[in-house]
């Protein structure tokens, strides 16, 4: 039985967050650390269990930042859908649902 590692859909989201928070170099460094970390290499089979949740959570963060910082109302629905999927994929994902209550309490750089 052959198992191929398909890769994680999380690195593109990690790149977007790293690039947005600092620079393209920071985004690439973030992806490099995620992909080449010892934990991922040594414990890859355990890592595969959490890969779907990691991908959902990082994409949730992309939309969360767009919703809170950019005040892009179009990001609300993807954020809500990803939070439901996060709770369905992993029981700890219930905390993503709780994050949906945070935006009204977070101040944006624009003073909102």
PDB file of N, CA and C in Angstrom:
ATOM      1  N   UNK A   1       0.838  -1.169   0.000  1.00  0.00           N
ATOM      2  CA  UNK A   1       0.000   0.000   0.000  1.00  0.00           C
ATOM      3  C   UNK A   1       0.889   1.239   0.000  1.00  0.00           C
ATOM      4  N   UNK A   2       0.694   2.062  -0.957  1.00  0.00           N
ATOM      5  CA  UNK A   2       1.519   3.258  -1.094  1.00  0.00           C
ATOM      6  C   UNK A   2       0.744   4.486  -0.654  1.00  0.00           C
ATOM      7  N   UNK A   3       1.386   5.282   0.172  1.00  0.00           N
ATOM      8  CA  UNK A   3       0.788   6.541   0.610  1.00  0.00           C
ATOM      9  C   UNK A   3       1.636   7.684   0.088  1.00  0.00           C
ATOM     10  N   UNK A   4       1.017   8.549  -0.663  1.00  0.00           N
ATOM     11  CA  UNK A   4       1.718   9.731  -1.160  1.00  0.00           C
ATOM     12  C   UNK A   4       1.316  10.918  -0.332  1.00  0.00           C
ATOM     13  N   UNK A   5       2.315  11.736  -0.022  1.00  0.00           N
ATOM     14  CA  UNK A   5       2.022  12.978   0.695  1.00  0.00           C
ATOM     15  C   UNK A   5       1.585  14.014  -0.326  1.00  0.00           C
ATOM     16  N   UNK A   6       0.358  14.471  -0.209  1.00  0.00           N
ATOM     17  CA  UNK A   6      -0.189  15.430  -1.170  1.00  0.00           C
ATOM     18  C   UNK A   6       0.157  16.862  -0.836  1.00  0.00           C
ATOM     19  N   UNK A   7       0.683  17.089   0.335  1.00  0.00           N
ATOM     20  CA  UNK A   7       0.975  18.459   0.739  1.00  0.00           C
ATOM     21  C   UNK A   7      -0.215  19.051   1.465  1.00  0.00           C
ATOM     22  N   UNK A   8       0.030  20.132   2.107  1.00  0.00           N
ATOM     23  CA  UNK A   8      -1.013  20.784   2.883  1.00  0.00           C
ATOM     24  C   UNK A   8      -1.513  22.017   2.156  1.00  0.00           C
ATOM     25  N   UNK A   9      -2.819  22.271   2.183  1.00  0.00           N
ATOM     26  CA  UNK A   9      -3.311  23.513   1.604  1.00  0.00           C
ATOM     27  C   UNK A   9      -3.060  24.713   2.514  1.00  0.00           C
ATOM     28  N   UNK A  10      -2.476  24.481   3.694  1.00  0.00           N
ATOM     29  CA  UNK A  10      -2.210  25.552   4.644  1.00  0.00           C
ATOM     30  C   UNK A  10      -1.103  26.514   4.260  1.00  0.00           C
ATOM     31  N   UNK A  11      -0.006  26.061   3.625  1.00  0.00           N
ATOM     32  CA  UNK A  11       1.077  26.995   3.295  1.00  0.00           C
ATOM     33  C   UNK A  11       0.677  28.210   2.470  1.00  0.00           C
ATOM     34  N   UNK A  12      -0.225  28.105   1.477  1.00  0.00           N
ATOM     35  CA  UNK A  12      -0.602  29.343   0.774  1.00  0.00           C
ATOM     36  C   UNK A  12      -1.229  30.379   1.704  1.00  0.00           C
ATOM     37  N   UNK A  13      -2.052  29.929   2.639  1.00  0.00           N
ATOM     38  CA  UNK A  13      -2.664  30.862   3.589  1.00  0.00           C
ATOM     39  C   UNK A  13      -1.604  31.438   4.523  1.00  0.00           C
ATOM     40  N   UNK A  14      -0.643  30.617   4.947  1.00  0.00           N
ATOM     41  CA  UNK A  14       0.429  31.103   5.812  1.00  0.00           C
ATOM     42  C   UNK A  14       1.269  32.148   5.078  1.00  0.00           C
ATOM     43  N   UNK A  15       1.494  31.939   3.779  1.00  0.00           N
ATOM     44  CA  UNK A  15       2.236  32.908   2.976  1.00  0.00           C
ATOM     45  C   UNK A  15       1.486  34.241   2.930  1.00  0.00           C
ATOM     46  N   UNK A  16       0.184  34.177   2.685  1.00  0.00           N
ATOM     47  CA  UNK A  16      -0.621  35.403   2.605  1.00  0.00           C
ATOM     48  C   UNK A  16      -0.549  36.168   3.926  1.00  0.00           C
ATOM     49  N   UNK A  17      -0.656  35.448   5.046  1.00  0.00           N
ATOM     50  CA  UNK A  17      -0.599  36.119   6.346  1.00  0.00           C
ATOM     51  C   UNK A  17       0.786  36.709   6.622  1.00  0.00           C
ATOM     52  N   UNK A  18       1.851  35.958   6.291  1.00  0.00           N
ATOM     53  CA  UNK A  18       3.207  36.459   6.493  1.00  0.00           C
ATOM     54  C   UNK A  18       3.519  37.658   5.622  1.00  0.00           C
ATOM     55  N   UNK A  19       3.079  37.593   4.360  1.00  0.00           N
ATOM     56  CA  UNK A  19       3.304  38.711   3.437  1.00  0.00           C
ATOM     57  C   UNK A  19       2.538  39.940   3.899  1.00  0.00           C
ATOM     58  N   UNK A  20       1.319  39.718   4.340  1.00  0.00           N
ATOM     59  CA  UNK A  20       0.490  40.838   4.777  1.00  0.00           C
ATOM     60  C   UNK A  20       1.029  41.480   6.058  1.00  0.00           C
ATOM     61  N   UNK A  21       1.523  40.654   6.978  1.00  0.00           N
ATOM     62  CA  UNK A  21       1.989  41.209   8.246  1.00  0.00           C
ATOM     63  C   UNK A  21       3.349  41.887   8.140  1.00  0.00           C
ATOM     64  N   UNK A  22       4.185  41.446   7.178  1.00  0.00           N
ATOM     65  CA  UNK A  22       5.512  42.063   7.085  1.00  0.00           C
ATOM     66  C   UNK A  22       5.956  42.253   5.645  1.00  0.00           C
ATOM     67  N   UNK A  23       6.246  41.124   4.941  1.00  0.00           N
ATOM     68  CA  UNK A  23       6.747  41.209   3.571  1.00  0.00           C
ATOM     69  C   UNK A  23       6.645  39.845   2.899  1.00  0.00           C
ATOM     70  N   UNK A  24       6.949  39.821   1.605  1.00  0.00           N
ATOM     71  CA  UNK A  24       6.960  38.553   0.875  1.00  0.00           C
ATOM     72  C   UNK A  24       8.017  37.619   1.449  1.00  0.00           C
ATOM     73  N   UNK A  25       9.133  38.174   1.880  1.00  0.00           N
ATOM     74  CA  UNK A  25      10.188  37.364   2.490  1.00  0.00           C
ATOM     75  C   UNK A  25       9.687  36.700   3.767  1.00  0.00           C
ATOM     76  N   UNK A  26       8.954  37.441   4.580  1.00  0.00           N
ATOM     77  CA  UNK A  26       8.393  36.871   5.811  1.00  0.00           C
ATOM     78  C   UNK A  26       7.404  35.767   5.469  1.00  0.00           C
ATOM     79  N   UNK A  27       6.622  35.953   4.411  1.00  0.00           N
ATOM     80  CA  UNK A  27       5.692  34.918   3.976  1.00  0.00           C
ATOM     81  C   UNK A  27       6.409  33.648   3.553  1.00  0.00           C
ATOM     82  N   UNK A  28       7.477  33.816   2.761  1.00  0.00           N
ATOM     83  CA  UNK A  28       8.256  32.654   2.327  1.00  0.00           C
ATOM     84  C   UNK A  28       8.952  31.970   3.495  1.00  0.00           C
ATOM     85  N   UNK A  29       9.453  32.762   4.430  1.00  0.00           N
ATOM     86  CA  UNK A  29      10.096  32.190   5.614  1.00  0.00           C
ATOM     87  C   UNK A  29       9.088  31.397   6.441  1.00  0.00           C
ATOM     88  N   UNK A  30       7.884  31.920   6.586  1.00  0.00           N
ATOM     89  CA  UNK A  30       6.840  31.217   7.323  1.00  0.00           C
ATOM     90  C   UNK A  30       6.519  29.878   6.678  1.00  0.00           C
ATOM     91  N   UNK A  31       6.351  29.871   5.360  1.00  0.00           N
ATOM     92  CA  UNK A  31       6.064  28.625   4.643  1.00  0.00           C
ATOM     93  C   UNK A  31       7.222  27.652   4.784  1.00  0.00           C
ATOM     94  N   UNK A  32       8.449  28.143   4.668  1.00  0.00           N
ATOM     95  CA  UNK A  32       9.624  27.282   4.802  1.00  0.00           C
ATOM     96  C   UNK A  32       9.672  26.621   6.169  1.00  0.00           C
ATOM     97  N   UNK A  33       9.407  27.394   7.199  1.00  0.00           N
ATOM     98  CA  UNK A  33       9.424  26.838   8.556  1.00  0.00           C
ATOM     99  C   UNK A  33       8.319  25.796   8.718  1.00  0.00           C
ATOM    100  N   UNK A  34       7.142  26.082   8.193  1.00  0.00           N
ATOM    101  CA  UNK A  34       6.043  25.115   8.302  1.00  0.00           C
ATOM    102  C   UNK A  34       6.341  23.825   7.556  1.00  0.00           C
ATOM    103  N   UNK A  35       6.903  23.946   6.369  1.00  0.00           N
ATOM    104  CA  UNK A  35       7.120  22.772   5.526  1.00  0.00           C
ATOM    105  C   UNK A  35       8.325  21.957   5.985  1.00  0.00           C
ATOM    106  N   UNK A  36       9.376  22.606   6.441  1.00  0.00           N
ATOM    107  CA  UNK A  36      10.617  21.905   6.741  1.00  0.00           C
ATOM    108  C   UNK A  36      10.885  21.740   8.232  1.00  0.00           C
ATOM    109  N   UNK A  37       9.902  21.960   9.067  1.00  0.00           N
ATOM    110  CA  UNK A  37      10.155  21.836  10.504  1.00  0.00           C
ATOM    111  C   UNK A  37      10.421  20.378  10.877  1.00  0.00           C
ATOM    112  N   UNK A  38      11.192  20.181  11.915  1.00  0.00           N
ATOM    113  CA  UNK A  38      11.498  18.827  12.377  1.00  0.00           C
ATOM    114  C   UNK A  38      10.229  18.084  12.776  1.00  0.00           C
ATOM    115  N   UNK A  39       9.304  18.809  13.381  1.00  0.00           N
ATOM    116  CA  UNK A  39       8.066  18.161  13.785  1.00  0.00           C
ATOM    117  C   UNK A  39       7.366  17.569  12.574  1.00  0.00           C
ATOM    118  N   UNK A  40       7.292  18.329  11.497  1.00  0.00           N
ATOM    119  CA  UNK A  40       6.620  17.850  10.288  1.00  0.00           C
ATOM    120  C   UNK A  40       7.360  16.685   9.667  1.00  0.00           C
ATOM    121  N   UNK A  41       8.696  16.683   9.758  1.00  0.00           N
ATOM    122  CA  UNK A  41       9.487  15.609   9.167  1.00  0.00           C
ATOM    123  C   UNK A  41       9.422  14.348  10.020  1.00  0.00           C
ATOM    124  N   UNK A  42       9.669  14.492  11.333  1.00  0.00           N
ATOM    125  CA  UNK A  42       9.733  13.334  12.225  1.00  0.00           C
ATOM    126  C   UNK A  42       8.369  12.756  12.562  1.00  0.00           C
ATOM    127  N   UNK A  43       7.383  13.591  12.668  1.00  0.00           N
ATOM    128  CA  UNK A  43       6.058  13.119  13.078  1.00  0.00           C
ATOM    129  C   UNK A  43       5.016  13.337  11.984  1.00  0.00           C
ATOM    130  N   UNK A  44       5.410  13.108  10.750  1.00  0.00           N
ATOM    131  CA  UNK A  44       4.538  13.404   9.620  1.00  0.00           C
ATOM    132  C   UNK A  44       3.210  12.655   9.692  1.00  0.00           C
ATOM    133  N   UNK A  45       3.245  11.428  10.150  1.00  0.00           N
ATOM    134  CA  UNK A  45       1.977  10.694  10.186  1.00  0.00           C
ATOM    135  C   UNK A  45       1.024  11.288  11.208  1.00  0.00           C
ATOM    136  N   UNK A  46       1.551  11.822  12.315  1.00  0.00           N
ATOM    137  CA  UNK A  46       0.684  12.489  13.272  1.00  0.00           C
ATOM    138  C   UNK A  46       0.257  13.848  12.739  1.00  0.00           C
ATOM    139  N   UNK A  47       1.147  14.489  12.018  1.00  0.00           N
ATOM    140  CA  UNK A  47       0.840  15.780  11.421  1.00  0.00           C
ATOM    141  C   UNK A  47      -0.296  15.709  10.419  1.00  0.00           C
ATOM    142  N   UNK A  48      -0.386  14.583   9.712  1.00  0.00           N
ATOM    143  CA  UNK A  48      -1.454  14.425   8.729  1.00  0.00           C
ATOM    144  C   UNK A  48      -2.827  14.438   9.370  1.00  0.00           C
ATOM    145  N   UNK A  49      -2.902  14.039  10.629  1.00  0.00           N
ATOM    146  CA  UNK A  49      -4.193  14.054  11.310  1.00  0.00           C
ATOM    147  C   UNK A  49      -4.704  15.483  11.471  1.00  0.00           C
ATOM    148  N   UNK A  50      -3.786  16.431  11.662  1.00  0.00           N
ATOM    149  CA  UNK A  50      -4.169  17.808  11.933  1.00  0.00           C
ATOM    150  C   UNK A  50      -4.087  18.720  10.707  1.00  0.00           C
ATOM    151  N   UNK A  51      -3.617  18.202   9.592  1.00  0.00           N
ATOM    152  CA  UNK A  51      -3.467  19.009   8.391  1.00  0.00           C
ATOM    153  C   UNK A  51      -4.774  19.641   7.926  1.00  0.00           C
ATOM    154  N   UNK A  52      -5.887  18.903   7.891  1.00  0.00           N
ATOM    155  CA  UNK A  52      -7.130  19.555   7.457  1.00  0.00           C
ATOM    156  C   UNK A  52      -7.525  20.713   8.372  1.00  0.00           C
ATOM    157  N   UNK A  53      -7.393  20.525   9.672  1.00  0.00           N
ATOM    158  CA  UNK A  53      -7.748  21.606  10.587  1.00  0.00           C
ATOM    159  C   UNK A  53      -6.787  22.784  10.437  1.00  0.00           C
ATOM    160  N   UNK A  54      -5.504  22.508  10.266  1.00  0.00           N
ATOM    161  CA  UNK A  54      -4.515  23.569  10.088  1.00  0.00           C
ATOM    162  C   UNK A  54      -4.861  24.406   8.866  1.00  0.00           C
ATOM    163  N   UNK A  55      -5.228  23.751   7.774  1.00  0.00           N
ATOM    164  CA  UNK A  55      -5.587  24.472   6.552  1.00  0.00           C
ATOM    165  C   UNK A  55      -6.843  25.317   6.762  1.00  0.00           C
ATOM    166  N   UNK A  56      -7.848  24.732   7.389  1.00  0.00           N
ATOM    167  CA  UNK A  56      -9.088  25.472   7.647  1.00  0.00           C
ATOM    168  C   UNK A  56      -8.815  26.671   8.534  1.00  0.00           C
ATOM    169  N   UNK A  57      -8.011  26.483   9.581  1.00  0.00           N
ATOM    170  CA  UNK A  57      -7.735  27.561  10.523  1.00  0.00           C
ATOM    171  C   UNK A  57      -6.941  28.692   9.875  1.00  0.00           C
ATOM    172  N   UNK A  58      -5.936  28.363   9.064  1.00  0.00           N
ATOM    173  CA  UNK A  58      -5.145  29.430   8.451  1.00  0.00           C
ATOM    174  C   UNK A  58      -5.972  30.206   7.432  1.00  0.00           C
ATOM    175  N   UNK A  59      -6.838  29.509   6.666  1.00  0.00           N
ATOM    176  CA  UNK A  59      -7.715  30.235   5.745  1.00  0.00           C
ATOM    177  C   UNK A  59      -8.732  31.062   6.520  1.00  0.00           C
ATOM    178  N   UNK A  60      -9.198  30.541   7.656  1.00  0.00           N
ATOM    179  CA  UNK A  60     -10.102  31.322   8.512  1.00  0.00           C
ATOM    180  C   UNK A  60      -9.409  32.620   8.936  1.00  0.00           C
ATOM    181  N   UNK A  61      -8.134  32.527   9.323  1.00  0.00           N
ATOM    182  CA  UNK A  61      -7.395  33.721   9.741  1.00  0.00           C
ATOM    183  C   UNK A  61      -7.268  34.738   8.610  1.00  0.00           C
ATOM    184  N   UNK A  62      -7.079  34.265   7.375  1.00  0.00           N
ATOM    185  CA  UNK A  62      -7.005  35.173   6.227  1.00  0.00           C
ATOM    186  C   UNK A  62      -8.297  35.976   6.129  1.00  0.00           C
ATOM    187  N   UNK A  63      -9.442  35.296   6.195  1.00  0.00           N
ATOM    188  CA  UNK A  63     -10.731  35.986   6.090  1.00  0.00           C
ATOM    189  C   UNK A  63     -11.038  36.817   7.335  1.00  0.00           C
ATOM    190  N   UNK A  64     -10.582  36.356   8.493  1.00  0.00           N
ATOM    191  CA  UNK A  64     -10.763  37.115   9.729  1.00  0.00           C
ATOM    192  C   UNK A  64     -10.050  38.467   9.635  1.00  0.00           C
ATOM    193  N   UNK A  65      -8.806  38.444   9.139  1.00  0.00           N
ATOM    194  CA  UNK A  65      -8.038  39.680   8.980  1.00  0.00           C
ATOM    195  C   UNK A  65      -8.710  40.595   7.956  1.00  0.00           C
ATOM    196  N   UNK A  66      -9.178  40.018   6.861  1.00  0.00           N
ATOM    197  CA  UNK A  66      -9.881  40.832   5.863  1.00  0.00           C
ATOM    198  C   UNK A  66     -11.142  41.469   6.455  1.00  0.00           C
ATOM    199  N   UNK A  67     -11.856  40.714   7.273  1.00  0.00           N
ATOM    200  CA  UNK A  67     -13.100  41.214   7.855  1.00  0.00           C
ATOM    201  C   UNK A  67     -12.840  42.281   8.911  1.00  0.00           C
ATOM    202  N   UNK A  68     -11.878  42.020   9.799  1.00  0.00           N
ATOM    203  CA  UNK A  68     -11.630  42.928  10.920  1.00  0.00           C
ATOM    204  C   UNK A  68     -10.796  44.134  10.505  1.00  0.00           C
ATOM    205  N   UNK A  69      -9.670  43.904   9.853  1.00  0.00           N
ATOM    206  CA  UNK A  69      -8.742  44.990   9.532  1.00  0.00           C
ATOM    207  C   UNK A  69      -9.197  45.772   8.305  1.00  0.00           C
ATOM    208  N   UNK A  70      -9.532  45.036   7.237  1.00  0.00           N
ATOM    209  CA  UNK A  70      -9.928  45.707   5.992  1.00  0.00           C
ATOM    210  C   UNK A  70     -11.395  46.119   5.991  1.00  0.00           C
ATOM    211  N   UNK A  71     -12.141  45.615   6.940  1.00  0.00           N
ATOM    212  CA  UNK A  71     -13.584  45.850   7.036  1.00  0.00           C
ATOM    213  C   UNK A  71     -14.285  45.435   5.745  1.00  0.00           C
ATOM    214  N   UNK A  72     -13.833  44.329   5.183  1.00  0.00           N
ATOM    215  CA  UNK A  72     -14.415  43.757   3.970  1.00  0.00           C
ATOM    216  C   UNK A  72     -15.549  42.825   4.384  1.00  0.00           C
ATOM    217  N   UNK A  73     -16.760  43.273   4.233  1.00  0.00           N
ATOM    218  CA  UNK A  73     -17.937  42.505   4.670  1.00  0.00           C
ATOM    219  C   UNK A  73     -18.123  41.214   3.879  1.00  0.00           C
ATOM    220  N   UNK A  74     -17.509  41.131   2.686  1.00  0.00           N
ATOM    221  CA  UNK A  74     -17.606  39.900   1.888  1.00  0.00           C
ATOM    222  C   UNK A  74     -16.871  38.742   2.546  1.00  0.00           C
ATOM    223  N   UNK A  75     -15.961  39.022   3.466  1.00  0.00           N
ATOM    224  CA  UNK A  75     -15.196  37.976   4.128  1.00  0.00           C
ATOM    225  C   UNK A  75     -15.982  37.285   5.240  1.00  0.00           C
ATOM    226  N   UNK A  76     -17.134  37.824   5.603  1.00  0.00           N
ATOM    227  CA  UNK A  76     -17.907  37.257   6.713  1.00  0.00           C
ATOM    228  C   UNK A  76     -18.400  35.838   6.413  1.00  0.00           C
ATOM    229  N   UNK A  77     -18.989  35.620   5.251  1.00  0.00           N
ATOM    230  CA  UNK A  77     -19.532  34.290   4.949  1.00  0.00           C
ATOM    231  C   UNK A  77     -18.450  33.215   4.860  1.00  0.00           C
ATOM    232  N   UNK A  78     -17.343  33.446   4.158  1.00  0.00           N
ATOM    233  CA  UNK A  78     -16.285  32.427   4.173  1.00  0.00           C
ATOM    234  C   UNK A  78     -15.770  32.162   5.591  1.00  0.00           C
ATOM    235  N   UNK A  79     -15.686  33.216   6.391  1.00  0.00           N
ATOM    236  CA  UNK A  79     -15.235  33.075   7.773  1.00  0.00           C
ATOM    237  C   UNK A  79     -16.191  32.169   8.558  1.00  0.00           C
ATOM    238  N   UNK A  80     -17.481  32.391   8.422  1.00  0.00           N
ATOM    239  CA  UNK A  80     -18.476  31.584   9.132  1.00  0.00           C
ATOM    240  C   UNK A  80     -18.485  30.135   8.639  1.00  0.00           C
ATOM    241  N   UNK A  81     -18.396  29.957   7.334  1.00  0.00           N
ATOM    242  CA  UNK A  81     -18.387  28.596   6.774  1.00  0.00           C
ATOM    243  C   UNK A  81     -17.153  27.831   7.244  1.00  0.00           C
ATOM    244  N   UNK A  82     -15.989  28.478   7.213  1.00  0.00           N
ATOM    245  CA  UNK A  82     -14.761  27.815   7.665  1.00  0.00           C
ATOM    246  C   UNK A  82     -14.807  27.498   9.150  1.00  0.00           C
ATOM    247  N   UNK A  83     -15.452  28.342   9.946  1.00  0.00           N
ATOM    248  CA  UNK A  83     -15.543  28.054  11.377  1.00  0.00           C
ATOM    249  C   UNK A  83     -16.412  26.826  11.626  1.00  0.00           C
ATOM    250  N   UNK A  84     -17.455  26.628  10.849  1.00  0.00           N
ATOM    251  CA  UNK A  84     -18.289  25.429  10.987  1.00  0.00           C
ATOM    252  C   UNK A  84     -17.496  24.198  10.557  1.00  0.00           C
ATOM    253  N   UNK A  85     -16.805  24.282   9.420  1.00  0.00           N
ATOM    254  CA  UNK A  85     -15.978  23.158   8.979  1.00  0.00           C
ATOM    255  C   UNK A  85     -14.892  22.835  10.005  1.00  0.00           C
ATOM    256  N   UNK A  86     -14.298  23.852  10.604  1.00  0.00           N
ATOM    257  CA  UNK A  86     -13.272  23.629  11.620  1.00  0.00           C
ATOM    258  C   UNK A  86     -13.799  22.828  12.797  1.00  0.00           C
ATOM    259  N   UNK A  87     -15.010  23.139  13.225  1.00  0.00           N
ATOM    260  CA  UNK A  87     -15.619  22.400  14.342  1.00  0.00           C
ATOM    261  C   UNK A  87     -15.983  20.969  13.930  1.00  0.00           C
ATOM    262  N   UNK A  88     -16.313  20.764  12.670  1.00  0.00           N
ATOM    263  CA  UNK A  88     -16.646  19.421  12.195  1.00  0.00           C
ATOM    264  C   UNK A  88     -15.415  18.542  11.990  1.00  0.00           C
ATOM    265  N   UNK A  89     -14.294  19.167  11.646  1.00  0.00           N
ATOM    266  CA  UNK A  89     -13.068  18.416  11.372  1.00  0.00           C
ATOM    267  C   UNK A  89     -12.350  18.009  12.657  1.00  0.00           C
ATOM    268  N   UNK A  90     -12.359  18.859  13.653  1.00  0.00           N
ATOM    269  CA  UNK A  90     -11.643  18.592  14.906  1.00  0.00           C
ATOM    270  C   UNK A  90     -12.438  19.189  16.052  1.00  0.00           C
ATOM    271  N   UNK A  91     -12.554  18.450  17.148  1.00  0.00           N
ATOM    272  CA  UNK A  91     -13.370  18.935  18.265  1.00  0.00           C
ATOM    273  C   UNK A  91     -12.836  20.240  18.860  1.00  0.00           C
ATOM    274  N   UNK A  92     -11.549  20.471  18.792  1.00  0.00           N
ATOM    275  CA  UNK A  92     -10.978  21.735  19.267  1.00  0.00           C
ATOM    276  C   UNK A  92     -11.340  22.906  18.364  1.00  0.00           C
ATOM    277  N   UNK A  93     -11.863  22.596  17.183  1.00  0.00           N
ATOM    278  CA  UNK A  93     -12.281  23.630  16.244  1.00  0.00           C
ATOM    279  C   UNK A  93     -13.465  24.443  16.739  1.00  0.00           C
ATOM    280  N   UNK A  94     -14.082  24.017  17.827  1.00  0.00           N
ATOM    281  CA  UNK A  94     -15.191  24.775  18.404  1.00  0.00           C
ATOM    282  C   UNK A  94     -14.734  26.179  18.807  1.00  0.00           C
ATOM    283  N   UNK A  95     -13.443  26.324  19.080  1.00  0.00           N
ATOM    284  CA  UNK A  95     -12.913  27.636  19.465  1.00  0.00           C
ATOM    285  C   UNK A  95     -12.919  28.625  18.298  1.00  0.00           C
ATOM    286  N   UNK A  96     -12.891  28.104  17.065  1.00  0.00           N
ATOM    287  CA  UNK A  96     -13.006  29.000  15.909  1.00  0.00           C
ATOM    288  C   UNK A  96     -14.392  29.636  15.911  1.00  0.00           C
ATOM    289  N   UNK A  97     -15.403  28.849  16.278  1.00  0.00           N
ATOM    290  CA  UNK A  97     -16.754  29.409  16.363  1.00  0.00           C
ATOM    291  C   UNK A  97     -16.785  30.558  17.361  1.00  0.00           C
ATOM    292  N   UNK A  98     -16.055  30.413  18.466  1.00  0.00           N
ATOM    293  CA  UNK A  98     -16.002  31.477  19.473  1.00  0.00           C
ATOM    294  C   UNK A  98     -15.296  32.720  18.925  1.00  0.00           C
ATOM    295  N   UNK A  99     -14.327  32.532  18.027  1.00  0.00           N
ATOM    296  CA  UNK A  99     -13.626  33.678  17.437  1.00  0.00           C
ATOM    297  C   UNK A  99     -14.565  34.582  16.642  1.00  0.00           C
ATOM    298  N   UNK A 100     -15.674  34.024  16.176  1.00  0.00           N
ATOM    299  CA  UNK A 100     -16.628  34.832  15.416  1.00  0.00           C
ATOM    300  C   UNK A 100     -17.259  35.930  16.260  1.00  0.00           C
ATOM    301  N   UNK A 101     -17.184  35.819  17.572  1.00  0.00           N
ATOM    302  CA  UNK A 101     -17.731  36.847  18.452  1.00  0.00           C
ATOM    303  C   UNK A 101     -16.735  37.964  18.736  1.00  0.00           C
ATOM    304  N   UNK A 102     -15.490  37.800  18.316  1.00  0.00           N
ATOM    305  CA  UNK A 102     -14.429  38.758  18.628  1.00  0.00           C
ATOM    306  C   UNK A 102     -14.446  40.043  17.791  1.00  0.00           C
ATOM    307  N   UNK A 103     -14.765  40.015  16.492  1.00  0.00           N
ATOM    308  CA  UNK A 103     -14.630  41.218  15.664  1.00  0.00           C
ATOM    309  C   UNK A 103     -15.244  42.499  16.228  1.00  0.00           C
ATOM    310  N   UNK A 104     -16.413  42.494  16.848  1.00  0.00           N
ATOM    311  CA  UNK A 104     -16.928  43.762  17.368  1.00  0.00           C
ATOM    312  C   UNK A 104     -16.064  44.381  18.471  1.00  0.00           C
ATOM    313  N   UNK A 105     -15.222  43.565  19.106  1.00  0.00           N
ATOM    314  CA  UNK A 105     -14.413  44.048  20.218  1.00  0.00           C
ATOM    315  C   UNK A 105     -12.977  44.383  19.839  1.00  0.00           C
ATOM    316  N   UNK A 106     -12.608  44.152  18.581  1.00  0.00           N
ATOM    317  CA  UNK A 106     -11.234  44.373  18.127  1.00  0.00           C
ATOM    318  C   UNK A 106     -11.157  45.719  17.431  1.00  0.00           C
ATOM    319  N   UNK A 107     -10.236  46.563  17.912  1.00  0.00           N
ATOM    320  CA  UNK A 107     -10.047  47.877  17.275  1.00  0.00           C
ATOM    321  C   UNK A 107      -9.222  47.705  16.012  1.00  0.00           C
ATOM    322  N   UNK A 108      -9.587  48.397  14.954  1.00  0.00           N
ATOM    323  CA  UNK A 108      -8.842  48.347  13.708  1.00  0.00           C
ATOM    324  C   UNK A 108      -7.861  49.515  13.655  1.00  0.00           C
ATOM    325  N   UNK A 109      -6.846  49.418  12.810  1.00  0.00           N
ATOM    326  CA  UNK A 109      -5.894  50.535  12.674  1.00  0.00           C
ATOM    327  C   UNK A 109      -6.558  51.832  12.219  1.00  0.00           C
ATOM    328  N   UNK A 110      -7.730  51.720  11.620  1.00  0.00           N
ATOM    329  CA  UNK A 110      -8.435  52.916  11.151  1.00  0.00           C
ATOM    330  C   UNK A 110      -9.219  53.589  12.278  1.00  0.00           C
ATOM    331  N   UNK A 111      -9.145  53.007  13.465  1.00  0.00           N
ATOM    332  CA  UNK A 111      -9.815  53.610  14.626  1.00  0.00           C
ATOM    333  C   UNK A 111     -11.238  53.164  14.819  1.00  0.00           C
ATOM    334  N   UNK A 112     -11.664  52.095  14.087  1.00  0.00           N
ATOM    335  CA  UNK A 112     -13.038  51.632  14.152  1.00  0.00           C
ATOM    336  C   UNK A 112     -13.337  50.679  15.240  1.00  0.00           C
TER     337      UNK A 112
END
